[in-house]
Amino acid sequence: MMNKQLSNKGFSLLEVMIALAIVAIALVSLLGLTNRSILVQDKIQKLTQATMLAQQLMSDQELNTSGLQSNWELQEGEFTDSFAGFRWQISYQDTLISQVKQVTVIVIWGDPAKNEQVQLVSFLPVGVSG
């Protein structure tokens, strides 16, 4: 009789193994989510940096449209220092209004096959003296 009471109070090895398997599956899923979260955060950081760099380049173009710009050809370059790995392109197109140019600023980063870029388009007055 004493033997029967002792066997009912403990866990069997099978129950412990099933509980450990459930915990292991949950931990693997959480580690996968953490890894994905880090990758998404890195992509968002690059996108934010590229957007700010494109806005800075567009602001520079807005300041330089007072008729001093004589070369309206495609410009390309790379950022340095803390923004290494980011490249930029600025292109100009004529519009139906002769005093207005369409300016396109593109900031590119990463693998070209992934097409990671930010593009800003603006219409700026040209040669207007204040």
Protein backbone atom coordinates (compact mmCIF):
# COMPACT_ATOMS: atom_id res chain seq x y z
CA MET A 1 0.00 0.00 0.00
CA MET A 2 2.84 2.36 0.82
CA ASN A 3 4.42 1.66 -2.56
CA LYS A 4 1.31 2.73 -4.45
CA GLN A 5 1.19 6.18 -2.81
CA LEU A 6 4.84 6.96 -3.63
CA SER A 7 4.46 6.22 -7.33
CA ASN A 8 1.59 8.70 -7.72
CA LYS A 9 3.44 11.68 -6.22
CA GLY A 10 6.32 12.03 -8.72
CA PHE A 11 6.72 12.85 -12.43
CA SER A 12 7.60 10.16 -14.90
CA LEU A 13 10.60 10.51 -17.18
CA LEU A 14 8.29 10.77 -20.18
CA GLU A 15 6.44 13.76 -18.71
CA VAL A 16 9.72 15.57 -18.01
CA MET A 17 10.99 14.90 -21.55
CA ILE A 18 7.76 16.22 -23.11
CA ALA A 19 7.93 19.37 -20.98
CA LEU A 20 11.57 19.95 -21.99
CA ALA A 21 10.70 19.45 -25.66
CA ILE A 22 7.94 22.08 -25.42
CA VAL A 23 10.32 24.53 -23.72
CA ALA A 24 13.02 23.86 -26.36
CA ILE A 25 10.60 24.52 -29.23
CA ALA A 26 9.50 27.77 -27.60
CA LEU A 27 13.10 28.91 -27.07
CA VAL A 28 14.09 28.15 -30.67
CA SER A 29 11.11 30.18 -31.89
CA LEU A 30 12.04 33.11 -29.65
CA LEU A 31 15.66 33.03 -30.85
CA GLY A 32 14.45 33.10 -34.46
CA LEU A 33 12.23 36.10 -33.73
CA THR A 34 15.11 37.90 -32.03
CA ASN A 35 17.37 37.33 -35.03
CA ARG A 36 14.69 38.57 -37.43
CA SER A 37 14.09 41.62 -35.24
CA ILE A 38 17.78 42.54 -35.40
CA LEU A 39 17.79 42.25 -39.21
CA VAL A 40 14.67 44.41 -39.55
CA GLN A 41 16.09 47.03 -37.18
CA ASP A 42 19.30 47.20 -39.25
CA LYS A 43 17.31 47.64 -42.46
CA ILE A 44 15.21 50.41 -40.90
CA GLN A 45 18.36 52.17 -39.69
CA LYS A 46 19.89 52.09 -43.19
CA LEU A 47 16.63 53.35 -44.72
CA THR A 48 16.47 56.22 -42.24
CA GLN A 49 20.10 57.18 -42.87
CA ALA A 50 19.59 57.06 -46.64
CA THR A 51 16.48 59.23 -46.39
CA MET A 52 18.29 61.84 -44.33
CA LEU A 53 21.25 61.85 -46.75
CA ALA A 54 18.89 62.25 -49.72
CA GLN A 55 17.12 65.14 -48.00
CA GLN A 56 20.48 66.79 -47.34
CA LEU A 57 21.51 66.44 -50.99
CA MET A 58 18.16 67.84 -52.14
CA SER A 59 18.56 70.80 -49.77
CA ASP A 60 22.00 71.44 -51.25
CA GLN A 61 20.43 71.46 -54.72
CA GLU A 62 17.77 73.92 -53.58
CA LEU A 63 20.48 76.27 -52.33
CA ASN A 64 22.50 76.01 -55.57
CA THR A 65 19.76 76.82 -58.11
CA SER A 66 20.41 80.55 -58.38
CA GLY A 67 21.80 80.28 -61.90
CA LEU A 68 25.27 79.24 -60.76
CA GLN A 69 24.68 75.63 -61.81
CA SER A 70 25.96 75.34 -65.37
CA ASN A 71 26.40 71.57 -65.58
CA TRP A 72 23.02 69.85 -65.60
CA GLU A 73 24.44 66.38 -66.25
CA LEU A 74 24.21 63.30 -64.06
CA GLN A 75 26.31 63.58 -60.92
CA GLU A 76 27.46 60.57 -58.90
CA GLY A 77 29.48 60.06 -55.77
CA GLU A 78 29.99 58.16 -52.54
CA PHE A 79 29.59 59.27 -48.97
CA THR A 80 32.57 58.93 -46.66
CA ASP A 81 33.27 58.58 -42.95
CA SER A 82 30.31 57.30 -40.94
CA PHE A 83 28.17 56.92 -44.08
CA ALA A 84 30.59 54.74 -46.04
CA GLY A 85 28.73 52.26 -48.21
CA PHE A 86 26.13 54.80 -49.33
CA ARG A 87 26.32 56.08 -52.92
CA TRP A 88 24.36 58.94 -54.49
CA GLN A 89 23.18 60.10 -57.91
CA ILE A 90 21.67 63.43 -58.87
CA SER A 91 19.99 63.83 -62.24
CA TYR A 92 18.32 66.83 -63.86
CA GLN A 93 15.56 66.92 -66.43
CA ASP A 94 13.98 69.78 -68.30
CA THR A 95 10.31 70.52 -67.74
CA LEU A 96 7.72 72.34 -69.81
CA ILE A 97 8.63 75.50 -67.92
CA SER A 98 12.09 76.66 -68.97
CA GLN A 99 12.93 78.14 -65.55
CA VAL A 100 12.14 74.88 -63.70
CA LYS A 101 14.20 71.69 -63.55
CA GLN A 102 13.14 68.31 -62.24
CA VAL A 103 15.83 67.19 -59.80
CA THR A 104 16.04 63.53 -58.81
CA VAL A 105 18.25 62.50 -55.89
CA ILE A 106 18.91 58.79 -55.37
CA VAL A 107 20.82 57.33 -52.42
CA ILE A 108 21.84 53.69 -52.89
CA TRP A 109 23.30 51.24 -50.39
CA GLY A 110 23.97 47.52 -50.07
CA ASP A 111 23.78 44.92 -52.80
CA PRO A 112 22.70 46.39 -56.17
CA ALA A 113 20.66 43.23 -56.87
CA LYS A 114 18.45 44.02 -53.85
CA ASN A 115 17.70 47.52 -55.20
CA GLU A 116 18.06 49.20 -51.81
CA GLN A 117 17.62 52.88 -52.51
CA VAL A 118 15.77 56.06 -51.61
CA GLN A 119 14.64 58.42 -54.37
CA LEU A 120 13.50 62.02 -53.94
CA VAL A 121 12.10 64.11 -56.79
CA SER A 122 11.61 67.86 -56.66
CA PHE A 123 10.95 70.70 -59.08
CA LEU A 124 13.29 73.62 -58.53
CA PRO A 125 13.45 77.10 -60.06
CA VAL A 126 16.57 77.78 -62.07
CA GLY A 127 18.27 81.06 -62.83
CA VAL A 128 15.73 83.18 -60.97
CA SER A 129 17.44 86.14 -59.37
CA GLY A 130 15.80 87.60 -56.29
